[in-house]
Amino acid sequence: MTQPQDSQTNDSRTNDSRTENSAADEPAAALARTNAVLAEWAARSAADSASLIARLERMGYAVEGKSEEEIAEVLKHPPTRSPAA
């Protein structure tokens, strides 16, 4: 009878470590979702703002002359150029 209890305890520890890994992944997934939402919002704003396009360009994002969808995709990734001084 002792053996099944030990097995259950081991299963419990395994499940706990899976839960810990899932919990550790949650902030990263939440950050990725938030970044995607912000990129899309910034793209909508930039589509109507030459000054925002210029600022994003100075930050190293190649967005000038791009559509709203293209800007959103660019902003979902790190800048491709060094920021302007």
Protein backbone atom coordinates (compact mmCIF):
# COMPACT_ATOMS: atom_id res chain seq x y z
CA MET A 1 0.00 0.00 0.00
CA THR A 2 2.91 2.36 0.63
CA GLN A 3 4.04 2.11 -2.99
CA PRO A 4 0.91 3.71 -4.53
CA GLN A 5 1.14 6.64 -2.12
CA ASP A 6 4.76 7.26 -3.12
CA SER A 7 3.73 7.08 -6.76
CA GLN A 8 0.95 9.59 -6.15
CA THR A 9 3.39 11.87 -4.37
CA ASN A 10 5.80 11.69 -7.31
CA ASP A 11 2.95 12.42 -9.72
CA SER A 12 1.96 15.37 -7.58
CA ARG A 13 5.51 16.77 -7.70
CA THR A 14 5.63 16.34 -11.47
CA ASN A 15 2.33 18.16 -11.85
CA ASP A 16 3.58 20.92 -9.55
CA SER A 17 6.67 21.47 -11.70
CA ARG A 18 4.52 21.59 -14.84
CA THR A 19 2.31 24.17 -13.15
CA GLU A 20 5.38 26.21 -12.18
CA ASN A 21 6.65 26.11 -15.78
CA SER A 22 3.23 27.16 -17.06
CA ALA A 23 3.10 30.00 -14.57
CA ALA A 24 6.57 31.13 -15.66
CA ASP A 25 5.48 31.07 -19.31
CA GLU A 26 2.34 33.11 -18.63
CA PRO A 27 4.08 36.48 -18.14
CA ALA A 28 6.07 35.99 -21.34
CA ALA A 29 2.92 35.11 -23.28
CA ALA A 30 1.06 38.05 -21.76
CA LEU A 31 3.92 40.38 -22.70
CA ALA A 32 3.92 39.10 -26.28
CA ARG A 33 0.16 39.67 -26.54
CA THR A 34 0.48 43.15 -25.06
CA ASN A 35 3.31 44.04 -27.46
CA ALA A 36 1.23 42.89 -30.43
CA VAL A 37 -1.75 45.00 -29.31
CA LEU A 38 0.49 48.04 -28.77
CA ALA A 39 2.12 47.57 -32.19
CA GLU A 40 -1.28 47.55 -33.87
CA TRP A 41 -2.42 50.61 -31.89
CA ALA A 42 0.79 52.50 -32.74
CA ALA A 43 0.39 51.56 -36.41
CA ARG A 44 -3.15 52.97 -36.48
CA SER A 45 -1.89 56.16 -34.83
CA ALA A 46 1.13 56.41 -37.12
CA ALA A 47 -0.99 56.04 -40.25
CA ASP A 48 -2.41 59.51 -39.50
CA SER A 49 0.67 61.16 -38.03
CA ALA A 50 3.75 62.21 -39.98
CA SER A 51 5.42 63.22 -36.73
CA LEU A 52 4.90 59.74 -35.23
CA ILE A 53 6.29 58.15 -38.41
CA ALA A 54 9.33 60.41 -38.11
CA ARG A 55 9.77 59.52 -34.45
CA LEU A 56 9.53 55.77 -35.14
CA GLU A 57 12.08 56.20 -37.94
CA ARG A 58 14.45 57.99 -35.52
CA MET A 59 13.96 55.06 -33.09
CA GLY A 60 15.22 52.68 -35.80
CA TYR A 61 11.95 51.31 -37.17
CA ALA A 62 11.67 51.33 -40.98
CA VAL A 63 8.04 52.47 -41.27
CA GLU A 64 8.07 55.36 -43.70
CA GLY A 65 5.91 54.75 -46.77
CA LYS A 66 4.34 51.59 -45.32
CA SER A 67 0.67 50.73 -44.85
CA GLU A 68 -0.91 50.43 -41.41
CA GLU A 69 -0.64 46.63 -41.56
CA GLU A 70 3.02 46.81 -42.62
CA ILE A 71 3.81 49.27 -39.82
CA ALA A 72 2.16 46.96 -37.27
CA GLU A 73 4.32 44.06 -38.46
CA VAL A 74 7.50 46.17 -38.29
CA LEU A 75 6.64 47.29 -34.74
CA LYS A 76 6.18 43.69 -33.57
CA HIS A 77 9.95 43.21 -33.99
CA PRO A 78 13.05 45.00 -32.66
CA PRO A 79 14.26 48.03 -34.62
CA THR A 80 16.35 47.20 -37.68
CA ARG A 81 18.58 50.27 -37.41
CA SER A 82 20.38 52.08 -34.64
CA PRO A 83 18.38 54.97 -33.20
CA ALA A 84 19.23 58.40 -34.57
CA ALA A 85 20.91 60.80 -32.19
